């Protein structure tokens, strides 16, 4: 790796990356590059799958699509630049780009949490009130919620970015708004979901019993939430964003439709006529 530096008026060289760290820097850059490519690739599979196949145009999957878009932005922008910042211990891209980068980080983090809140509410309604789910949760309502989520995340990010006055009380208040409150809401909803699902599992012959697929969906998306919080509490800041590549892996593990749609995409079958109408649920679920 080159010895990055700058010479000041006294002909003194300021070191940005030291020669002794050549091998370490190279390994770290390779890791960051692979993580970025992996995150982008997997989330593109999710985005293309849900966008292309008509069977996947459901309210729940639209929320998953919104989360995948946020994760894609993390893979394209946040992971590479955050990785460079931590490896080099300095910022090379100027003040304006720094502001844009911070704005992007604030937006995707806020939007991701917002998406998880809406996903948890969606799963709670599906499990607790399955007979009226299609009436209470519609595509139009979900699209509206997604737009509001991204809009509010953007506005709030601008407020945070341009409010230079900070004290302990203000920092704690922002922490409560951006993390503690939504996290507490998500966890409390999932506690209710699993309580309802456990009760419904016992009522085998009940007409209002929740289907096995609904409980499985709640469980899968609950794991997505759990993984998010596991990475969020990691002490290394940029590794927090690595959870963005975990969500598609969770979908691949639990959702047959994702594995099947990914196979169609990777084998280029989506370019066949009427491929958007391919059946991804042969069991009729």
C-alpha atoms as a PDB file:
ATOM      1  CA  UNK A   1       0.000   0.000   0.000  1.00  0.00           C
ATOM      2  CA  UNK A   2       1.210   3.475  -0.824  1.00  0.00           C
ATOM      3  CA  UNK A   3       2.451   5.772   1.904  1.00  0.00           C
ATOM      4  CA  UNK A   4      -0.283   8.371   1.809  1.00  0.00           C
ATOM      5  CA  UNK A   5       0.801  11.751   3.110  1.00  0.00           C
ATOM      6  CA  UNK A   6       0.809  15.505   2.717  1.00  0.00           C
ATOM      7  CA  UNK A   7       3.603  18.055   3.034  1.00  0.00           C
ATOM      8  CA  UNK A   8       2.976  21.239   5.011  1.00  0.00           C
ATOM      9  CA  UNK A   9       4.770  24.604   4.761  1.00  0.00           C
ATOM     10  CA  UNK A  10       7.563  23.388   7.072  1.00  0.00           C
ATOM     11  CA  UNK A  11       8.318  20.450   4.755  1.00  0.00           C
ATOM     12  CA  UNK A  12       7.036  17.994   7.337  1.00  0.00           C
ATOM     13  CA  UNK A  13       5.283  14.876   6.088  1.00  0.00           C
ATOM     14  CA  UNK A  14       2.009  13.940   7.742  1.00  0.00           C
ATOM     15  CA  UNK A  15       1.480  10.176   7.698  1.00  0.00           C
ATOM     16  CA  UNK A  16      -1.994   8.847   6.911  1.00  0.00           C
ATOM     17  CA  UNK A  17      -1.254   5.138   6.549  1.00  0.00           C
ATOM     18  CA  UNK A  18       1.972   3.754   7.897  1.00  0.00           C
ATOM     19  CA  UNK A  19       4.199   1.380   5.886  1.00  0.00           C
ATOM     20  CA  UNK A  20       4.274  -1.176   8.718  1.00  0.00           C
ATOM     21  CA  UNK A  21       0.535  -1.687   8.290  1.00  0.00           C
ATOM     22  CA  UNK A  22       0.770  -2.683   4.587  1.00  0.00           C
ATOM     23  CA  UNK A  23      -0.365  -6.297   5.025  1.00  0.00           C
ATOM     24  CA  UNK A  24      -3.013  -5.414   7.591  1.00  0.00           C
ATOM     25  CA  UNK A  25      -4.447  -2.653   5.389  1.00  0.00           C
ATOM     26  CA  UNK A  26      -4.532  -4.957   2.367  1.00  0.00           C
ATOM     27  CA  UNK A  27      -6.369  -7.704   4.257  1.00  0.00           C
ATOM     28  CA  UNK A  28      -8.851  -5.213   5.681  1.00  0.00           C
ATOM     29  CA  UNK A  29      -9.541  -3.692   2.271  1.00  0.00           C
ATOM     30  CA  UNK A  30     -10.108  -7.156   0.785  1.00  0.00           C
ATOM     31  CA  UNK A  31     -12.532  -7.982   3.594  1.00  0.00           C
ATOM     32  CA  UNK A  32     -14.434  -4.704   3.176  1.00  0.00           C
ATOM     33  CA  UNK A  33     -14.606  -5.176  -0.603  1.00  0.00           C
ATOM     34  CA  UNK A  34     -15.957  -8.711  -0.278  1.00  0.00           C
ATOM     35  CA  UNK A  35     -18.473  -7.633   2.370  1.00  0.00           C
ATOM     36  CA  UNK A  36     -19.687  -4.794   0.147  1.00  0.00           C
ATOM     37  CA  UNK A  37     -20.013  -6.978  -2.971  1.00  0.00           C
ATOM     38  CA  UNK A  38     -21.702  -9.760  -0.994  1.00  0.00           C
ATOM     39  CA  UNK A  39     -24.211  -7.343   0.566  1.00  0.00           C
ATOM     40  CA  UNK A  40     -25.054  -5.691  -2.757  1.00  0.00           C
ATOM     41  CA  UNK A  41     -25.410  -9.023  -4.582  1.00  0.00           C
ATOM     42  CA  UNK A  42     -27.683 -10.652  -2.001  1.00  0.00           C
ATOM     43  CA  UNK A  43     -29.952  -7.648  -1.574  1.00  0.00           C
ATOM     44  CA  UNK A  44     -30.234  -7.218  -5.336  1.00  0.00           C
ATOM     45  CA  UNK A  45     -31.549 -10.784  -5.426  1.00  0.00           C
ATOM     46  CA  UNK A  46     -34.214  -9.814  -2.885  1.00  0.00           C
ATOM     47  CA  UNK A  47     -35.138  -6.606  -4.726  1.00  0.00           C
ATOM     48  CA  UNK A  48     -35.328  -8.262  -8.157  1.00  0.00           C
ATOM     49  CA  UNK A  49     -37.279 -11.232  -6.776  1.00  0.00           C
ATOM     50  CA  UNK A  50     -39.994  -9.165  -5.116  1.00  0.00           C
ATOM     51  CA  UNK A  51     -40.146  -6.606  -7.942  1.00  0.00           C
ATOM     52  CA  UNK A  52     -40.299  -9.145 -10.776  1.00  0.00           C
ATOM     53  CA  UNK A  53     -42.503 -12.009  -9.615  1.00  0.00           C
ATOM     54  CA  UNK A  54     -46.205 -11.190  -9.306  1.00  0.00           C
ATOM     55  CA  UNK A  55     -46.773 -13.774  -6.576  1.00  0.00           C
ATOM     56  CA  UNK A  56     -44.449 -11.824  -4.303  1.00  0.00           C
ATOM     57  CA  UNK A  57     -46.350  -8.537  -4.593  1.00  0.00           C
ATOM     58  CA  UNK A  58     -47.765  -8.738  -1.074  1.00  0.00           C
ATOM     59  CA  UNK A  59     -47.819  -6.114   1.705  1.00  0.00           C
ATOM     60  CA  UNK A  60     -45.302  -8.042   3.813  1.00  0.00           C
ATOM     61  CA  UNK A  61     -42.905  -8.466   0.905  1.00  0.00           C
ATOM     62  CA  UNK A  62     -43.123  -4.756   0.091  1.00  0.00           C
ATOM     63  CA  UNK A  63     -41.814  -4.059   3.585  1.00  0.00           C
ATOM     64  CA  UNK A  64     -39.044  -6.612   3.012  1.00  0.00           C
ATOM     65  CA  UNK A  65     -38.300  -4.843  -0.290  1.00  0.00           C
ATOM     66  CA  UNK A  66     -37.987  -1.498   1.492  1.00  0.00           C
ATOM     67  CA  UNK A  67     -35.609  -3.044   4.029  1.00  0.00           C
ATOM     68  CA  UNK A  68     -33.583  -4.582   1.185  1.00  0.00           C
ATOM     69  CA  UNK A  69     -33.251  -1.169  -0.483  1.00  0.00           C
ATOM     70  CA  UNK A  70     -31.821   0.258   2.745  1.00  0.00           C
ATOM     71  CA  UNK A  71     -29.447  -2.717   3.004  1.00  0.00           C
ATOM     72  CA  UNK A  72     -28.419  -2.241  -0.635  1.00  0.00           C
ATOM     73  CA  UNK A  73     -27.468   1.382   0.065  1.00  0.00           C
ATOM     74  CA  UNK A  74     -25.440   0.171   3.036  1.00  0.00           C
ATOM     75  CA  UNK A  75     -23.557  -2.237   0.776  1.00  0.00           C
ATOM     76  CA  UNK A  76     -22.989   0.298  -1.997  1.00  0.00           C
ATOM     77  CA  UNK A  77     -22.010   3.332   0.070  1.00  0.00           C
ATOM     78  CA  UNK A  78     -21.817   2.864   3.827  1.00  0.00           C
ATOM     79  CA  UNK A  79     -19.687  -0.285   4.162  1.00  0.00           C
ATOM     80  CA  UNK A  80     -16.965   0.817   1.670  1.00  0.00           C
ATOM     81  CA  UNK A  81     -16.589   4.358   3.001  1.00  0.00           C
ATOM     82  CA  UNK A  82     -16.957   3.396   6.655  1.00  0.00           C
ATOM     83  CA  UNK A  83     -14.386   0.656   6.125  1.00  0.00           C
ATOM     84  CA  UNK A  84     -11.910   3.084   4.549  1.00  0.00           C
ATOM     85  CA  UNK A  85     -12.485   5.533   7.395  1.00  0.00           C
ATOM     86  CA  UNK A  86     -11.682   2.937  10.056  1.00  0.00           C
ATOM     87  CA  UNK A  87      -8.743   1.378   8.213  1.00  0.00           C
ATOM     88  CA  UNK A  88      -7.049   4.660   7.315  1.00  0.00           C
ATOM     89  CA  UNK A  89      -8.126   6.583  10.448  1.00  0.00           C
ATOM     90  CA  UNK A  90      -8.783   9.666   8.346  1.00  0.00           C
ATOM     91  CA  UNK A  91     -11.252  11.032   5.791  1.00  0.00           C
ATOM     92  CA  UNK A  92     -10.055  11.720   2.244  1.00  0.00           C
ATOM     93  CA  UNK A  93     -13.232  12.889   0.541  1.00  0.00           C
ATOM     94  CA  UNK A  94     -13.773  16.432   1.778  1.00  0.00           C
ATOM     95  CA  UNK A  95     -16.297  18.164   4.020  1.00  0.00           C
ATOM     96  CA  UNK A  96     -19.202  18.235   1.565  1.00  0.00           C
ATOM     97  CA  UNK A  97     -18.991  14.527   0.801  1.00  0.00           C
ATOM     98  CA  UNK A  98     -18.636  13.868   4.527  1.00  0.00           C
ATOM     99  CA  UNK A  99     -21.973  15.603   5.137  1.00  0.00           C
ATOM    100  CA  UNK A 100     -23.619  13.613   2.340  1.00  0.00           C
ATOM    101  CA  UNK A 101     -22.174  10.397   3.718  1.00  0.00           C
ATOM    102  CA  UNK A 102     -23.415  11.109   7.249  1.00  0.00           C
ATOM    103  CA  UNK A 103     -26.829  12.001   5.840  1.00  0.00           C
ATOM    104  CA  UNK A 104     -26.927   8.646   4.015  1.00  0.00           C
ATOM    105  CA  UNK A 105     -25.926   6.770   7.169  1.00  0.00           C
ATOM    106  CA  UNK A 106     -28.580   8.511   9.271  1.00  0.00           C
ATOM    107  CA  UNK A 107     -31.271   7.877   6.652  1.00  0.00           C
ATOM    108  CA  UNK A 108     -30.591   4.161   6.121  1.00  0.00           C
ATOM    109  CA  UNK A 109     -30.272   3.438   9.848  1.00  0.00           C
ATOM    110  CA  UNK A 110     -33.507   5.310  10.635  1.00  0.00           C
ATOM    111  CA  UNK A 111     -35.327   3.792   7.661  1.00  0.00           C
ATOM    112  CA  UNK A 112     -34.178   0.284   8.590  1.00  0.00           C
ATOM    113  CA  UNK A 113     -35.543   0.651  12.106  1.00  0.00           C
ATOM    114  CA  UNK A 114     -38.759   2.097  10.706  1.00  0.00           C
ATOM    115  CA  UNK A 115     -39.090  -0.846   8.323  1.00  0.00           C
ATOM    116  CA  UNK A 116     -38.601  -3.271  11.208  1.00  0.00           C
ATOM    117  CA  UNK A 117     -41.318  -1.492  13.201  1.00  0.00           C
ATOM    118  CA  UNK A 118     -43.787  -1.802  10.309  1.00  0.00           C
ATOM    119  CA  UNK A 119     -42.801  -5.437   9.707  1.00  0.00           C
ATOM    120  CA  UNK A 120     -43.441  -6.282  13.357  1.00  0.00           C
ATOM    121  CA  UNK A 121     -46.852  -4.562  13.256  1.00  0.00           C
ATOM    122  CA  UNK A 122     -47.693  -6.398  10.023  1.00  0.00           C
ATOM    123  CA  UNK A 123     -46.783  -9.772  11.539  1.00  0.00           C
ATOM    124  CA  UNK A 124     -48.726  -9.013  14.722  1.00  0.00           C
ATOM    125  CA  UNK A 125     -51.900  -8.288  12.760  1.00  0.00           C
ATOM    126  CA  UNK A 126     -51.382 -11.396  10.598  1.00  0.00           C
ATOM    127  CA  UNK A 127     -51.014 -13.632  13.643  1.00  0.00           C
ATOM    128  CA  UNK A 128     -53.538 -12.043  16.003  1.00  0.00           C
ATOM    129  CA  UNK A 129     -56.276 -11.177  13.495  1.00  0.00           C
ATOM    130  CA  UNK A 130     -55.781 -13.407  10.414  1.00  0.00           C
ATOM    131  CA  UNK A 131     -59.396 -13.244   9.227  1.00  0.00           C
ATOM    132  CA  UNK A 132     -59.286  -9.462   8.803  1.00  0.00           C
ATOM    133  CA  UNK A 133     -55.627  -9.199   7.813  1.00  0.00           C
ATOM    134  CA  UNK A 134     -56.301  -8.605   4.101  1.00  0.00           C
ATOM    135  CA  UNK A 135     -58.736  -5.830   5.003  1.00  0.00           C
ATOM    136  CA  UNK A 136     -56.586  -4.125   7.620  1.00  0.00           C
ATOM    137  CA  UNK A 137     -53.277  -4.470   5.756  1.00  0.00           C
ATOM    138  CA  UNK A 138     -53.471  -3.510   2.076  1.00  0.00           C
ATOM    139  CA  UNK A 139     -50.827  -2.754  -0.526  1.00  0.00           C
ATOM    140  CA  UNK A 140     -51.827   0.923  -0.685  1.00  0.00           C
ATOM    141  CA  UNK A 141     -51.534   1.316   3.089  1.00  0.00           C
ATOM    142  CA  UNK A 142     -48.125  -0.353   3.140  1.00  0.00           C
ATOM    143  CA  UNK A 143     -46.811   1.786   0.263  1.00  0.00           C
ATOM    144  CA  UNK A 144     -48.007   4.885   2.126  1.00  0.00           C
ATOM    145  CA  UNK A 145     -46.226   3.725   5.308  1.00  0.00           C
ATOM    146  CA  UNK A 146     -43.007   3.051   3.377  1.00  0.00           C
ATOM    147  CA  UNK A 147     -43.058   6.519   1.788  1.00  0.00           C
ATOM    148  CA  UNK A 148     -43.719   8.174   5.156  1.00  0.00           C
ATOM    149  CA  UNK A 149     -40.932   6.120   6.737  1.00  0.00           C
ATOM    150  CA  UNK A 150     -38.302   7.211   4.199  1.00  0.00           C
ATOM    151  CA  UNK A 151     -39.546  10.803   4.183  1.00  0.00           C
ATOM    152  CA  UNK A 152     -39.447  11.115   7.983  1.00  0.00           C
ATOM    153  CA  UNK A 153     -36.034   9.431   8.088  1.00  0.00           C
ATOM    154  CA  UNK A 154     -34.686  11.962   5.577  1.00  0.00           C
ATOM    155  CA  UNK A 155     -36.146  14.978   7.382  1.00  0.00           C
ATOM    156  CA  UNK A 156     -34.920  13.785  10.769  1.00  0.00           C
ATOM    157  CA  UNK A 157     -31.453  13.126   9.321  1.00  0.00           C
ATOM    158  CA  UNK A 158     -31.249  16.680   7.983  1.00  0.00           C
ATOM    159  CA  UNK A 159     -32.233  18.036  11.405  1.00  0.00           C
ATOM    160  CA  UNK A 160     -29.550  15.956  13.134  1.00  0.00           C
ATOM    161  CA  UNK A 161     -26.903  16.850  10.549  1.00  0.00           C
ATOM    162  CA  UNK A 162     -27.383  20.615  10.673  1.00  0.00           C
ATOM    163  CA  UNK A 163     -28.037  20.982  14.382  1.00  0.00           C
ATOM    164  CA  UNK A 164     -24.499  21.669  15.595  1.00  0.00           C
ATOM    165  CA  UNK A 165     -25.492  22.420  19.188  1.00  0.00           C
ATOM    166  CA  UNK A 166     -25.109  19.293  21.299  1.00  0.00           C
ATOM    167  CA  UNK A 167     -25.256  18.589  25.000  1.00  0.00           C
ATOM    168  CA  UNK A 168     -25.689  15.424  27.046  1.00  0.00           C
ATOM    169  CA  UNK A 169     -29.446  15.816  27.375  1.00  0.00           C
ATOM    170  CA  UNK A 170     -29.873  16.310  23.626  1.00  0.00           C
ATOM    171  CA  UNK A 171     -27.702  13.294  22.797  1.00  0.00           C
ATOM    172  CA  UNK A 172     -29.686  11.101  25.187  1.00  0.00           C
ATOM    173  CA  UNK A 173     -32.963  12.349  23.729  1.00  0.00           C
ATOM    174  CA  UNK A 174     -31.810  11.540  20.193  1.00  0.00           C
ATOM    175  CA  UNK A 175     -30.670   8.107  21.326  1.00  0.00           C
ATOM    176  CA  UNK A 176     -34.121   7.509  22.801  1.00  0.00           C
ATOM    177  CA  UNK A 177     -35.938   8.638  19.641  1.00  0.00           C
ATOM    178  CA  UNK A 178     -33.702   6.883  17.112  1.00  0.00           C
ATOM    179  CA  UNK A 179     -33.020   3.616  18.924  1.00  0.00           C
ATOM    180  CA  UNK A 180     -34.475   3.000  22.384  1.00  0.00           C
ATOM    181  CA  UNK A 181     -38.124   3.831  21.570  1.00  0.00           C
ATOM    182  CA  UNK A 182     -38.420   1.919  18.259  1.00  0.00           C
ATOM    183  CA  UNK A 183     -36.375  -0.997  19.604  1.00  0.00           C
ATOM    184  CA  UNK A 184     -38.579  -1.285  22.685  1.00  0.00           C
ATOM    185  CA  UNK A 185     -41.687  -1.131  20.501  1.00  0.00           C
ATOM    186  CA  UNK A 186     -40.382  -3.846  18.166  1.00  0.00           C
ATOM    187  CA  UNK A 187     -39.397  -6.180  20.990  1.00  0.00           C
ATOM    188  CA  UNK A 188     -42.701  -5.717  22.828  1.00  0.00           C
ATOM    189  CA  UNK A 189     -44.662  -6.464  19.648  1.00  0.00           C
ATOM    190  CA  UNK A 190     -42.682  -9.635  18.992  1.00  0.00           C
ATOM    191  CA  UNK A 191     -43.236 -10.781  22.563  1.00  0.00           C
ATOM    192  CA  UNK A 192     -46.977 -10.423  21.889  1.00  0.00           C
ATOM    193  CA  UNK A 193     -46.616 -12.203  18.540  1.00  0.00           C
ATOM    194  CA  UNK A 194     -44.980 -15.258  20.043  1.00  0.00           C
ATOM    195  CA  UNK A 195     -47.465 -15.342  22.922  1.00  0.00           C
ATOM    196  CA  UNK A 196     -50.359 -15.314  20.449  1.00  0.00           C
ATOM    197  CA  UNK A 197     -48.641 -17.849  18.173  1.00  0.00           C
ATOM    198  CA  UNK A 198     -48.005 -20.169  21.105  1.00  0.00           C
ATOM    199  CA  UNK A 199     -51.639 -19.975  22.147  1.00  0.00           C
ATOM    200  CA  UNK A 200     -52.903 -20.466  18.588  1.00  0.00           C
ATOM    201  CA  UNK A 201     -50.652 -23.493  18.111  1.00  0.00           C
ATOM    202  CA  UNK A 202     -52.572 -25.213  20.909  1.00  0.00           C
ATOM    203  CA  UNK A 203     -55.933 -24.490  19.315  1.00  0.00           C
ATOM    204  CA  UNK A 204     -55.525 -27.043  16.536  1.00  0.00           C
ATOM    205  CA  UNK A 205     -59.141 -27.193  15.412  1.00  0.00           C
ATOM    206  CA  UNK A 206     -59.995 -23.533  15.886  1.00  0.00           C
ATOM    207  CA  UNK A 207     -61.482 -21.787  12.874  1.00  0.00           C
ATOM    208  CA  UNK A 208     -59.563 -18.648  13.763  1.00  0.00           C
ATOM    209  CA  UNK A 209     -56.302 -20.476  14.262  1.00  0.00           C
ATOM    210  CA  UNK A 210     -53.249 -18.964  12.635  1.00  0.00           C
ATOM    211  CA  UNK A 211     -51.869 -20.926   9.707  1.00  0.00           C
ATOM    212  CA  UNK A 212     -48.501 -22.595   9.968  1.00  0.00           C
ATOM    213  CA  UNK A 213     -47.133 -20.341   7.208  1.00  0.00           C
ATOM    214  CA  UNK A 214     -48.139 -17.191   9.110  1.00  0.00           C
ATOM    215  CA  UNK A 215     -46.391 -18.387  12.262  1.00  0.00           C
ATOM    216  CA  UNK A 216     -43.331 -19.329  10.232  1.00  0.00           C
ATOM    217  CA  UNK A 217     -43.263 -15.879   8.617  1.00  0.00           C
ATOM    218  CA  UNK A 218     -43.473 -14.226  12.028  1.00  0.00           C
ATOM    219  CA  UNK A 219     -40.661 -16.443  13.300  1.00  0.00           C
ATOM    220  CA  UNK A 220     -38.444 -15.704  10.291  1.00  0.00           C
ATOM    221  CA  UNK A 221     -38.904 -11.941  10.469  1.00  0.00           C
ATOM    222  CA  UNK A 222     -38.418 -12.142  14.229  1.00  0.00           C
ATOM    223  CA  UNK A 223     -34.997 -13.653  13.551  1.00  0.00           C
ATOM    224  CA  UNK A 224     -34.264 -10.736  11.198  1.00  0.00           C
ATOM    225  CA  UNK A 225     -35.036  -8.342  14.054  1.00  0.00           C
ATOM    226  CA  UNK A 226     -32.932 -10.347  16.518  1.00  0.00           C
ATOM    227  CA  UNK A 227     -29.932 -10.358  14.158  1.00  0.00           C
ATOM    228  CA  UNK A 228     -30.306  -6.601  13.702  1.00  0.00           C
ATOM    229  CA  UNK A 229     -30.060  -5.987  17.435  1.00  0.00           C
ATOM    230  CA  UNK A 230     -27.170  -8.455  17.813  1.00  0.00           C
ATOM    231  CA  UNK A 231     -25.139  -6.438  15.326  1.00  0.00           C
ATOM    232  CA  UNK A 232     -26.392  -3.112  16.697  1.00  0.00           C
ATOM    233  CA  UNK A 233     -24.856  -3.833  20.098  1.00  0.00           C
ATOM    234  CA  UNK A 234     -21.488  -4.799  18.585  1.00  0.00           C
ATOM    235  CA  UNK A 235     -18.667  -2.635  19.918  1.00  0.00           C
ATOM    236  CA  UNK A 236     -17.097  -2.108  16.475  1.00  0.00           C
ATOM    237  CA  UNK A 237     -19.237   0.532  14.822  1.00  0.00           C
ATOM    238  CA  UNK A 238     -18.905  -0.304  11.122  1.00  0.00           C
ATOM    239  CA  UNK A 239     -19.568  -3.993  11.729  1.00  0.00           C
ATOM    240  CA  UNK A 240     -23.097  -2.889  12.698  1.00  0.00           C
ATOM    241  CA  UNK A 241     -23.774  -2.462   8.992  1.00  0.00           C
ATOM    242  CA  UNK A 242     -22.745  -6.047   8.264  1.00  0.00           C
ATOM    243  CA  UNK A 243     -26.207  -7.181   9.327  1.00  0.00           C
ATOM    244  CA  UNK A 244     -27.363  -5.852   5.949  1.00  0.00           C
ATOM    245  CA  UNK A 245     -25.915  -8.940   4.261  1.00  0.00           C
ATOM    246  CA  UNK A 246     -27.454 -11.269   6.858  1.00  0.00           C
ATOM    247  CA  UNK A 247     -31.113 -10.593   6.048  1.00  0.00           C
ATOM    248  CA  UNK A 248     -31.056 -12.246   2.577  1.00  0.00           C
ATOM    249  CA  UNK A 249     -29.281 -15.253   4.086  1.00  0.00           C
ATOM    250  CA  UNK A 250     -32.098 -15.564   6.629  1.00  0.00           C
ATOM    251  CA  UNK A 251     -34.674 -15.378   3.823  1.00  0.00           C
ATOM    252  CA  UNK A 252     -32.767 -18.074   1.904  1.00  0.00           C
ATOM    253  CA  UNK A 253     -32.722 -20.275   4.990  1.00  0.00           C
ATOM    254  CA  UNK A 254     -36.430 -19.997   5.810  1.00  0.00           C
ATOM    255  CA  UNK A 255     -38.232 -18.964   2.608  1.00  0.00           C
ATOM    256  CA  UNK A 256     -38.528 -21.459  -0.255  1.00  0.00           C
ATOM    257  CA  UNK A 257     -39.871 -18.717  -2.507  1.00  0.00           C
ATOM    258  CA  UNK A 258     -36.628 -16.767  -2.157  1.00  0.00           C
ATOM    259  CA  UNK A 259     -34.485 -19.780  -2.989  1.00  0.00           C
ATOM    260  CA  UNK A 260     -36.631 -20.544  -6.015  1.00  0.00           C
ATOM    261  CA  UNK A 261     -36.750 -16.946  -7.254  1.00  0.00           C
ATOM    262  CA  UNK A 262     -32.985 -16.588  -6.780  1.00  0.00           C
ATOM    263  CA  UNK A 263     -32.491 -19.727  -8.876  1.00  0.00           C
ATOM    264  CA  UNK A 264     -34.651 -18.249 -11.655  1.00  0.00           C
ATOM    265  CA  UNK A 265     -32.642 -15.014 -11.529  1.00  0.00           C
ATOM    266  CA  UNK A 266     -29.210 -16.652 -11.512  1.00  0.00           C
ATOM    267  CA  UNK A 267     -30.151 -18.985 -14.382  1.00  0.00           C
ATOM    268  CA  UNK A 268     -31.540 -15.976 -16.329  1.00  0.00           C
ATOM    269  CA  UNK A 269     -35.015 -17.532 -16.551  1.00  0.00           C
ATOM    270  CA  UNK A 270     -36.520 -14.169 -15.619  1.00  0.00           C
ATOM    271  CA  UNK A 271     -35.842 -13.040 -19.207  1.00  0.00           C
ATOM    272  CA  UNK A 272     -38.251 -15.641 -20.572  1.00  0.00           C
ATOM    273  CA  UNK A 273     -41.706 -14.454 -21.705  1.00  0.00           C
ATOM    274  CA  UNK A 274     -44.227 -14.232 -18.855  1.00  0.00           C
ATOM    275  CA  UNK A 275     -41.552 -15.189 -16.326  1.00  0.00           C
ATOM    276  CA  UNK A 276     -43.129 -12.813 -13.822  1.00  0.00           C
ATOM    277  CA  UNK A 277     -46.003 -15.290 -13.544  1.00  0.00           C
ATOM    278  CA  UNK A 278     -43.819 -18.265 -12.610  1.00  0.00           C
ATOM    279  CA  UNK A 279     -45.201 -20.210  -9.655  1.00  0.00           C
ATOM    280  CA  UNK A 280     -43.039 -19.908  -6.559  1.00  0.00           C
ATOM    281  CA  UNK A 281     -45.498 -21.663  -4.251  1.00  0.00           C
ATOM    282  CA  UNK A 282     -46.148 -25.120  -5.708  1.00  0.00           C
ATOM    283  CA  UNK A 283     -47.731 -26.233  -2.447  1.00  0.00           C
ATOM    284  CA  UNK A 284     -50.337 -23.502  -2.744  1.00  0.00           C
ATOM    285  CA  UNK A 285     -49.181 -21.739   0.411  1.00  0.00           C
END
